[in-house]
N, C-alpha and C. Protein backbone atom coordinates (compact mmCIF):
# COMPACT_ATOMS: atom_id res chain seq x y z
N MET A 1 -14.86 -1.66 12.45
CA MET A 1 -14.30 -0.69 13.36
C MET A 1 -13.03 -1.29 13.95
N THR A 2 -11.98 -0.50 13.97
CA THR A 2 -10.68 -0.94 14.46
C THR A 2 -10.21 0.01 15.54
N THR A 3 -9.63 -0.50 16.59
CA THR A 3 -9.02 0.34 17.60
C THR A 3 -7.58 0.59 17.16
N VAL A 4 -7.19 1.86 17.20
CA VAL A 4 -5.87 2.27 16.73
C VAL A 4 -5.18 3.05 17.84
N ARG A 5 -3.89 2.77 18.04
CA ARG A 5 -3.12 3.52 19.03
C ARG A 5 -2.00 4.25 18.33
N ASP A 6 -1.86 5.54 18.65
CA ASP A 6 -0.76 6.34 18.14
C ASP A 6 0.41 6.15 19.09
N ASN A 7 1.47 5.46 18.63
CA ASN A 7 2.58 5.13 19.52
C ASN A 7 3.28 6.35 20.11
N PRO A 8 3.58 7.41 19.31
CA PRO A 8 4.28 8.55 19.92
C PRO A 8 3.50 9.21 21.06
N SER A 9 2.18 9.40 20.90
CA SER A 9 1.42 10.12 21.92
C SER A 9 0.72 9.19 22.90
N GLY A 10 0.51 7.92 22.51
CA GLY A 10 -0.22 6.99 23.34
C GLY A 10 -1.73 7.12 23.22
N ALA A 11 -2.20 8.05 22.38
CA ALA A 11 -3.64 8.25 22.19
C ALA A 11 -4.26 7.01 21.56
N VAL A 12 -5.45 6.66 22.01
CA VAL A 12 -6.17 5.50 21.49
C VAL A 12 -7.51 5.98 20.94
N GLY A 13 -7.88 5.46 19.79
CA GLY A 13 -9.15 5.84 19.19
C GLY A 13 -9.65 4.71 18.31
N GLN A 14 -10.82 4.92 17.75
CA GLN A 14 -11.37 3.94 16.83
C GLN A 14 -11.52 4.58 15.47
N ALA A 15 -11.30 3.78 14.45
CA ALA A 15 -11.39 4.27 13.08
C ALA A 15 -11.97 3.19 12.20
N SER A 16 -12.53 3.64 11.12
CA SER A 16 -13.11 2.71 10.15
C SER A 16 -12.60 3.11 8.78
N SER A 17 -12.21 2.15 7.99
CA SER A 17 -11.72 2.41 6.64
C SER A 17 -12.18 1.28 5.74
N ARG A 18 -12.60 1.63 4.54
CA ARG A 18 -13.05 0.61 3.59
C ARG A 18 -11.87 0.12 2.78
N LEU A 19 -11.82 -1.17 2.57
CA LEU A 19 -10.81 -1.80 1.75
C LEU A 19 -11.53 -2.41 0.57
N SER A 20 -11.08 -2.08 -0.61
CA SER A 20 -11.70 -2.60 -1.82
C SER A 20 -10.94 -3.83 -2.29
N VAL A 21 -11.62 -4.95 -2.30
CA VAL A 21 -11.07 -6.18 -2.87
C VAL A 21 -11.96 -6.51 -4.06
N PRO A 22 -11.41 -6.43 -5.26
CA PRO A 22 -12.25 -6.62 -6.44
C PRO A 22 -12.78 -8.04 -6.56
N ALA A 23 -13.89 -8.15 -7.29
CA ALA A 23 -14.42 -9.48 -7.59
C ALA A 23 -13.38 -10.25 -8.40
N ALA A 24 -13.31 -11.54 -8.18
CA ALA A 24 -12.31 -12.36 -8.87
C ALA A 24 -12.62 -12.44 -10.36
N GLU A 25 -11.82 -11.74 -11.14
CA GLU A 25 -11.88 -11.84 -12.60
C GLU A 25 -10.53 -12.39 -13.03
N TRP A 26 -10.43 -13.68 -13.09
CA TRP A 26 -9.15 -14.32 -13.27
C TRP A 26 -8.50 -14.01 -14.61
N GLU A 27 -9.24 -13.47 -15.56
CA GLU A 27 -8.65 -13.16 -16.87
C GLU A 27 -8.11 -11.74 -16.93
N LYS A 28 -8.33 -10.93 -15.91
CA LYS A 28 -7.99 -9.51 -15.96
C LYS A 28 -7.21 -9.09 -14.72
N LEU A 29 -6.17 -8.30 -14.91
CA LEU A 29 -5.38 -7.75 -13.80
C LEU A 29 -6.20 -6.69 -13.07
N THR A 30 -6.41 -6.87 -11.77
CA THR A 30 -7.10 -5.89 -10.94
C THR A 30 -6.32 -5.69 -9.65
N LEU A 31 -6.54 -4.55 -9.00
CA LEU A 31 -5.81 -4.20 -7.79
C LEU A 31 -6.75 -3.92 -6.64
N SER A 32 -6.29 -4.21 -5.43
CA SER A 32 -7.00 -3.82 -4.22
C SER A 32 -6.81 -2.32 -4.02
N SER A 33 -7.37 -1.79 -2.96
CA SER A 33 -7.10 -0.41 -2.58
C SER A 33 -5.61 -0.26 -2.29
N LEU A 34 -5.12 0.94 -2.46
CA LEU A 34 -3.74 1.26 -2.11
C LEU A 34 -3.75 1.78 -0.68
N LEU A 35 -3.21 0.99 0.24
CA LEU A 35 -3.20 1.34 1.65
C LEU A 35 -1.92 2.10 1.99
N LEU A 36 -2.07 3.18 2.74
CA LEU A 36 -0.91 3.93 3.23
C LEU A 36 -0.83 3.72 4.73
N ALA A 37 0.32 3.29 5.20
CA ALA A 37 0.50 2.96 6.61
C ALA A 37 1.74 3.65 7.16
N ALA A 38 1.77 3.77 8.48
CA ALA A 38 2.93 4.34 9.14
C ALA A 38 4.10 3.36 9.17
N ALA A 39 3.78 2.05 9.10
CA ALA A 39 4.82 1.03 9.13
C ALA A 39 4.22 -0.32 8.75
N ALA A 40 5.10 -1.24 8.39
CA ALA A 40 4.73 -2.63 8.18
C ALA A 40 5.62 -3.45 9.10
N VAL A 41 5.00 -4.30 9.91
CA VAL A 41 5.72 -5.07 10.91
C VAL A 41 5.59 -6.54 10.57
N ASP A 42 6.70 -7.25 10.60
CA ASP A 42 6.64 -8.70 10.40
C ASP A 42 5.91 -9.30 11.60
N ALA A 43 4.85 -10.03 11.32
CA ALA A 43 4.06 -10.66 12.37
C ALA A 43 3.63 -12.03 11.86
N PRO A 44 3.95 -13.08 12.58
CA PRO A 44 3.60 -14.41 12.10
C PRO A 44 2.10 -14.55 11.85
N ALA A 45 1.78 -15.14 10.73
CA ALA A 45 0.37 -15.39 10.41
C ALA A 45 -0.17 -16.43 11.39
N SER A 46 -1.39 -16.21 11.82
CA SER A 46 -2.01 -17.16 12.74
C SER A 46 -3.25 -17.74 12.09
N GLN A 47 -3.85 -18.70 12.75
CA GLN A 47 -5.07 -19.30 12.23
C GLN A 47 -6.21 -18.29 12.20
N ASP A 48 -6.14 -17.28 13.05
CA ASP A 48 -7.18 -16.25 13.12
C ASP A 48 -6.81 -15.03 12.30
N ALA A 49 -5.93 -15.17 11.31
CA ALA A 49 -5.43 -14.03 10.54
C ALA A 49 -6.56 -13.23 9.90
N GLU A 50 -7.66 -13.90 9.51
CA GLU A 50 -8.76 -13.18 8.88
C GLU A 50 -9.41 -12.19 9.85
N ARG A 51 -9.30 -12.45 11.14
CA ARG A 51 -9.94 -11.58 12.13
C ARG A 51 -8.98 -10.54 12.68
N VAL A 52 -7.73 -10.55 12.30
CA VAL A 52 -6.77 -9.57 12.78
C VAL A 52 -6.74 -8.41 11.78
N PRO A 53 -7.16 -7.21 12.21
CA PRO A 53 -7.19 -6.09 11.27
C PRO A 53 -5.82 -5.77 10.71
N PHE A 54 -5.78 -5.47 9.45
CA PHE A 54 -4.57 -5.04 8.75
C PHE A 54 -3.46 -6.09 8.77
N GLN A 55 -3.82 -7.36 8.89
CA GLN A 55 -2.87 -8.47 8.83
C GLN A 55 -2.98 -9.10 7.44
N PHE A 56 -1.86 -9.15 6.72
CA PHE A 56 -1.83 -9.74 5.38
C PHE A 56 -0.70 -10.76 5.37
N GLY A 57 -1.07 -12.03 5.51
CA GLY A 57 -0.05 -13.08 5.60
C GLY A 57 0.82 -12.84 6.82
N GLY A 58 2.13 -12.73 6.61
CA GLY A 58 3.06 -12.50 7.71
C GLY A 58 3.38 -11.04 7.95
N VAL A 59 2.54 -10.12 7.45
CA VAL A 59 2.79 -8.69 7.60
C VAL A 59 1.58 -8.03 8.25
N ARG A 60 1.83 -7.20 9.25
CA ARG A 60 0.76 -6.41 9.87
C ARG A 60 1.08 -4.93 9.60
N LEU A 61 0.11 -4.25 9.00
CA LEU A 61 0.28 -2.82 8.73
C LEU A 61 -0.18 -2.00 9.93
N VAL A 62 0.54 -0.92 10.19
CA VAL A 62 0.14 0.04 11.21
C VAL A 62 -0.53 1.18 10.43
N PRO A 63 -1.86 1.23 10.44
CA PRO A 63 -2.56 2.16 9.56
C PRO A 63 -2.33 3.62 9.92
N ASN A 64 -2.38 4.46 8.90
CA ASN A 64 -2.37 5.90 9.08
C ASN A 64 -3.60 6.40 8.34
N LEU A 65 -4.74 6.36 9.02
CA LEU A 65 -6.00 6.67 8.37
C LEU A 65 -6.14 8.14 8.02
N SER A 66 -5.38 9.01 8.69
CA SER A 66 -5.43 10.43 8.35
C SER A 66 -4.66 10.72 7.07
N LYS A 67 -3.79 9.80 6.66
CA LYS A 67 -2.92 9.95 5.50
C LYS A 67 -2.06 11.21 5.60
N SER A 68 -1.68 11.53 6.83
CA SER A 68 -0.81 12.67 7.11
C SER A 68 0.47 12.13 7.75
N PHE A 69 1.62 12.47 7.16
CA PHE A 69 2.90 11.93 7.59
C PHE A 69 3.86 13.07 7.90
N LEU A 70 4.75 12.85 8.85
CA LEU A 70 5.76 13.85 9.20
C LEU A 70 6.90 13.85 8.21
N SER A 71 7.34 15.03 7.84
CA SER A 71 8.52 15.17 6.99
C SER A 71 9.70 14.50 7.69
N GLY A 72 10.50 13.79 6.94
CA GLY A 72 11.65 13.10 7.50
C GLY A 72 11.35 11.67 7.93
N ARG A 73 10.10 11.30 8.04
CA ARG A 73 9.73 9.93 8.40
C ARG A 73 9.53 9.13 7.12
N SER A 74 8.77 8.06 7.21
CA SER A 74 8.49 7.26 6.02
C SER A 74 7.03 6.82 6.02
N LEU A 75 6.60 6.35 4.87
CA LEU A 75 5.27 5.76 4.77
C LEU A 75 5.43 4.41 4.10
N THR A 76 4.50 3.53 4.37
CA THR A 76 4.49 2.20 3.77
C THR A 76 3.28 2.10 2.86
N ALA A 77 3.50 1.77 1.62
CA ALA A 77 2.42 1.56 0.66
C ALA A 77 2.23 0.06 0.48
N TYR A 78 0.96 -0.37 0.43
CA TYR A 78 0.67 -1.80 0.30
C TYR A 78 -0.54 -1.98 -0.60
N LEU A 79 -0.46 -2.92 -1.52
CA LEU A 79 -1.61 -3.32 -2.32
C LEU A 79 -1.42 -4.74 -2.81
N GLU A 80 -2.52 -5.33 -3.28
CA GLU A 80 -2.49 -6.67 -3.81
C GLU A 80 -3.01 -6.66 -5.24
N ALA A 81 -2.38 -7.46 -6.09
CA ALA A 81 -2.79 -7.60 -7.49
C ALA A 81 -3.41 -8.97 -7.66
N TYR A 82 -4.50 -9.02 -8.43
CA TYR A 82 -5.24 -10.25 -8.66
C TYR A 82 -5.38 -10.49 -10.16
N GLY A 83 -5.70 -11.72 -10.51
CA GLY A 83 -5.99 -12.05 -11.90
C GLY A 83 -4.75 -12.26 -12.74
N LEU A 84 -3.67 -12.71 -12.12
CA LEU A 84 -2.42 -12.92 -12.83
C LEU A 84 -2.34 -14.34 -13.36
N GLY A 85 -1.88 -14.47 -14.58
CA GLY A 85 -1.69 -15.80 -15.15
C GLY A 85 -0.42 -16.43 -14.61
N ALA A 86 -0.26 -17.73 -14.86
CA ALA A 86 0.91 -18.48 -14.38
C ALA A 86 2.20 -17.95 -14.97
N GLU A 87 2.14 -17.37 -16.16
CA GLU A 87 3.34 -16.87 -16.85
C GLU A 87 3.54 -15.37 -16.65
N ALA A 88 2.82 -14.74 -15.74
CA ALA A 88 2.88 -13.29 -15.55
C ALA A 88 4.29 -12.85 -15.19
N ARG A 89 4.74 -11.78 -15.84
CA ARG A 89 5.99 -11.08 -15.50
C ARG A 89 5.59 -9.67 -15.13
N LEU A 90 5.75 -9.33 -13.87
CA LEU A 90 5.25 -8.04 -13.39
C LEU A 90 6.31 -6.97 -13.37
N ARG A 91 5.88 -5.77 -13.72
CA ARG A 91 6.68 -4.55 -13.48
C ARG A 91 5.84 -3.70 -12.55
N VAL A 92 6.42 -3.29 -11.43
CA VAL A 92 5.72 -2.50 -10.44
C VAL A 92 6.41 -1.15 -10.34
N ASP A 93 5.61 -0.08 -10.48
CA ASP A 93 6.13 1.28 -10.38
C ASP A 93 5.31 2.06 -9.36
N PHE A 94 5.99 2.86 -8.55
CA PHE A 94 5.34 3.79 -7.64
C PHE A 94 5.78 5.20 -8.03
N PHE A 95 4.79 6.06 -8.28
CA PHE A 95 5.05 7.45 -8.66
C PHE A 95 4.50 8.36 -7.57
N LEU A 96 5.31 9.34 -7.17
CA LEU A 96 4.87 10.33 -6.20
C LEU A 96 4.60 11.62 -6.97
N LEU A 97 3.38 12.12 -6.82
CA LEU A 97 2.95 13.31 -7.55
C LEU A 97 2.74 14.46 -6.60
N LYS A 98 3.13 15.65 -7.03
CA LYS A 98 2.86 16.89 -6.29
C LYS A 98 2.27 17.86 -7.28
N ASP A 99 1.10 18.39 -6.98
CA ASP A 99 0.39 19.30 -7.88
C ASP A 99 0.18 18.66 -9.25
N GLY A 100 -0.09 17.36 -9.27
CA GLY A 100 -0.38 16.65 -10.51
C GLY A 100 0.83 16.34 -11.37
N ARG A 101 2.01 16.68 -10.90
CA ARG A 101 3.24 16.43 -11.67
C ARG A 101 4.14 15.44 -10.93
N LEU A 102 4.94 14.73 -11.71
CA LEU A 102 5.85 13.75 -11.12
C LEU A 102 6.85 14.45 -10.20
N PHE A 103 6.89 14.01 -8.94
CA PHE A 103 7.83 14.55 -7.96
C PHE A 103 8.98 13.58 -7.76
N SER A 104 8.66 12.28 -7.74
CA SER A 104 9.67 11.26 -7.52
C SER A 104 9.11 9.90 -7.94
N LYS A 105 10.00 8.98 -8.21
CA LYS A 105 9.61 7.61 -8.53
C LYS A 105 10.38 6.70 -7.57
N VAL A 106 9.69 5.71 -6.99
CA VAL A 106 10.35 4.78 -6.08
C VAL A 106 10.02 3.35 -6.50
N ALA A 107 10.93 2.48 -6.19
CA ALA A 107 10.76 1.06 -6.52
C ALA A 107 10.05 0.36 -5.37
N PRO A 108 9.37 -0.74 -5.66
CA PRO A 108 8.80 -1.52 -4.56
C PRO A 108 9.94 -2.14 -3.76
N SER A 109 9.78 -2.21 -2.46
CA SER A 109 10.83 -2.80 -1.64
C SER A 109 10.52 -4.25 -1.30
N TYR A 110 9.30 -4.68 -1.60
CA TYR A 110 8.91 -6.05 -1.27
C TYR A 110 7.80 -6.46 -2.22
N HIS A 111 7.90 -7.70 -2.67
CA HIS A 111 7.00 -8.17 -3.71
C HIS A 111 6.86 -9.67 -3.49
N ARG A 112 5.67 -10.09 -3.03
CA ARG A 112 5.49 -11.47 -2.57
C ARG A 112 4.38 -12.16 -3.34
N PRO A 113 4.68 -13.26 -4.04
CA PRO A 113 3.60 -14.01 -4.68
C PRO A 113 2.67 -14.60 -3.63
N GLY A 114 1.37 -14.53 -3.90
CA GLY A 114 0.40 -15.08 -2.97
C GLY A 114 -0.16 -16.40 -3.43
N GLY A 115 0.18 -16.81 -4.63
CA GLY A 115 -0.38 -18.04 -5.18
C GLY A 115 -1.79 -17.80 -5.67
N GLY A 116 -2.25 -18.65 -6.56
CA GLY A 116 -3.61 -18.52 -7.05
C GLY A 116 -3.84 -17.28 -7.88
N GLY A 117 -2.81 -16.78 -8.56
CA GLY A 117 -2.98 -15.63 -9.43
C GLY A 117 -2.97 -14.30 -8.73
N GLU A 118 -2.36 -14.22 -7.54
CA GLU A 118 -2.29 -12.94 -6.85
C GLU A 118 -0.88 -12.68 -6.34
N VAL A 119 -0.59 -11.40 -6.08
CA VAL A 119 0.71 -11.00 -5.55
C VAL A 119 0.51 -9.80 -4.64
N SER A 120 1.30 -9.72 -3.57
CA SER A 120 1.29 -8.59 -2.66
C SER A 120 2.50 -7.72 -2.96
N VAL A 121 2.30 -6.41 -2.91
CA VAL A 121 3.37 -5.47 -3.21
C VAL A 121 3.43 -4.44 -2.09
N ARG A 122 4.65 -4.15 -1.64
CA ARG A 122 4.84 -3.19 -0.55
C ARG A 122 6.04 -2.32 -0.89
N SER A 123 5.98 -1.06 -0.48
CA SER A 123 7.12 -0.18 -0.65
C SER A 123 7.26 0.71 0.58
N GLU A 124 8.47 0.80 1.08
CA GLU A 124 8.78 1.71 2.18
C GLU A 124 9.33 2.98 1.53
N ILE A 125 8.66 4.10 1.73
CA ILE A 125 9.01 5.33 1.05
C ILE A 125 9.48 6.36 2.06
N SER A 126 10.74 6.77 1.93
CA SER A 126 11.30 7.79 2.81
C SER A 126 10.76 9.16 2.40
N LEU A 127 10.34 9.93 3.38
CA LEU A 127 9.83 11.28 3.12
C LEU A 127 10.88 12.32 3.54
N ARG A 128 12.13 11.92 3.58
CA ARG A 128 13.22 12.77 4.05
C ARG A 128 13.35 14.06 3.25
N ASN A 129 13.22 14.01 1.93
CA ASN A 129 13.40 15.20 1.09
C ASN A 129 12.08 15.79 0.62
N PHE A 130 10.99 15.51 1.34
CA PHE A 130 9.68 16.00 0.94
C PHE A 130 9.33 17.26 1.71
N PRO A 131 9.17 18.38 1.02
CA PRO A 131 8.69 19.56 1.73
C PRO A 131 7.23 19.37 2.12
N PRO A 132 6.76 20.04 3.17
CA PRO A 132 5.36 19.92 3.54
C PRO A 132 4.44 20.27 2.37
N GLY A 133 3.32 19.56 2.29
CA GLY A 133 2.36 19.82 1.22
C GLY A 133 1.51 18.61 0.92
N SER A 134 0.70 18.74 -0.13
CA SER A 134 -0.20 17.66 -0.57
C SER A 134 0.45 16.88 -1.70
N TYR A 135 0.32 15.57 -1.63
CA TYR A 135 0.91 14.66 -2.61
C TYR A 135 -0.11 13.59 -2.97
N ALA A 136 0.23 12.80 -3.97
CA ALA A 136 -0.52 11.59 -4.29
C ALA A 136 0.50 10.51 -4.63
N LEU A 137 0.19 9.29 -4.23
CA LEU A 137 1.01 8.14 -4.57
C LEU A 137 0.23 7.31 -5.58
N ARG A 138 0.83 7.03 -6.72
CA ARG A 138 0.21 6.21 -7.76
C ARG A 138 1.00 4.93 -7.90
N ALA A 139 0.31 3.80 -7.79
CA ALA A 139 0.92 2.49 -8.02
C ALA A 139 0.46 2.00 -9.38
N ARG A 140 1.40 1.55 -10.18
CA ARG A 140 1.07 0.99 -11.50
C ARG A 140 1.72 -0.38 -11.59
N ILE A 141 0.90 -1.38 -11.90
CA ILE A 141 1.40 -2.74 -12.09
C ILE A 141 1.12 -3.14 -13.53
N THR A 142 2.16 -3.60 -14.19
CA THR A 142 2.06 -4.03 -15.58
C THR A 142 2.43 -5.49 -15.68
N ASP A 143 1.56 -6.27 -16.32
CA ASP A 143 1.88 -7.66 -16.64
C ASP A 143 2.53 -7.62 -18.02
N GLU A 144 3.83 -7.75 -18.07
CA GLU A 144 4.55 -7.62 -19.34
C GLU A 144 4.27 -8.79 -20.28
N THR A 145 3.71 -9.87 -19.78
CA THR A 145 3.35 -10.99 -20.64
C THR A 145 2.10 -10.68 -21.46
N THR A 146 1.08 -10.11 -20.80
CA THR A 146 -0.19 -9.84 -21.49
C THR A 146 -0.35 -8.38 -21.92
N GLY A 147 0.45 -7.49 -21.32
CA GLY A 147 0.29 -6.06 -21.60
C GLY A 147 -0.76 -5.39 -20.72
N ASP A 148 -1.43 -6.14 -19.83
CA ASP A 148 -2.42 -5.56 -18.93
C ASP A 148 -1.75 -4.59 -17.97
N VAL A 149 -2.44 -3.47 -17.71
CA VAL A 149 -1.96 -2.45 -16.79
C VAL A 149 -3.09 -2.09 -15.84
N ALA A 150 -2.77 -1.96 -14.54
CA ALA A 150 -3.76 -1.52 -13.55
C ALA A 150 -3.09 -0.49 -12.65
N GLU A 151 -3.86 0.52 -12.24
CA GLU A 151 -3.33 1.58 -11.38
C GLU A 151 -4.28 1.86 -10.23
N ARG A 152 -3.70 2.32 -9.13
CA ARG A 152 -4.43 2.84 -7.98
C ARG A 152 -3.69 4.07 -7.50
N GLU A 153 -4.42 4.99 -6.91
CA GLU A 153 -3.80 6.23 -6.44
C GLU A 153 -4.40 6.59 -5.09
N SER A 154 -3.59 7.18 -4.22
CA SER A 154 -4.06 7.61 -2.91
C SER A 154 -3.41 8.95 -2.55
N PRO A 155 -4.19 9.94 -2.17
CA PRO A 155 -3.62 11.22 -1.74
C PRO A 155 -3.05 11.10 -0.32
N PHE A 156 -2.09 11.97 0.00
CA PHE A 156 -1.58 12.06 1.37
C PHE A 156 -0.93 13.43 1.55
N THR A 157 -0.67 13.78 2.79
CA THR A 157 -0.01 15.06 3.06
C THR A 157 1.25 14.81 3.88
N VAL A 158 2.20 15.69 3.69
CA VAL A 158 3.42 15.69 4.48
C VAL A 158 3.40 16.99 5.27
N ARG A 159 3.58 16.88 6.57
CA ARG A 159 3.58 18.07 7.41
C ARG A 159 4.96 18.24 8.06
N GLY A 160 5.31 19.48 8.34
CA GLY A 160 6.61 19.78 8.96
C GLY A 160 6.64 19.30 10.40
N ARG A 161 7.83 19.26 10.92
CA ARG A 161 8.01 18.79 12.31
C ARG A 161 7.62 19.82 13.31
């Protein structure tokens, strides 16, 4: 259970969300859940980082558990890839789908090796040209060395102002 505050309104509530971290299969590319957040804030990692909700290394995500975003704002996508070999060459693609069809493609804006066969990937996605409606964000990571491909997808909505 996490306490969450909505900065614009000041409302405070509690929310719970499951995060999938796959079992360590070091020979196979696997992905964590694709998290959608209202923002990613640089926050120094502390010794208690494991107990700080939504803290990943030096980044703290501001969760958007409703997965509803205002048109004209942005969303932050975050996931981690595991099972990468020492020679891995990654290609990261983010696809935005509307009604099951490609609406837009965006590049990752941040890509950080985590060591030990893992990498963190983040993308800040502007919703400036998104009309209100239902969408899905699909993340695809390809290890061009081995040909392994892994995908995760998360639905979200864009609402008018």
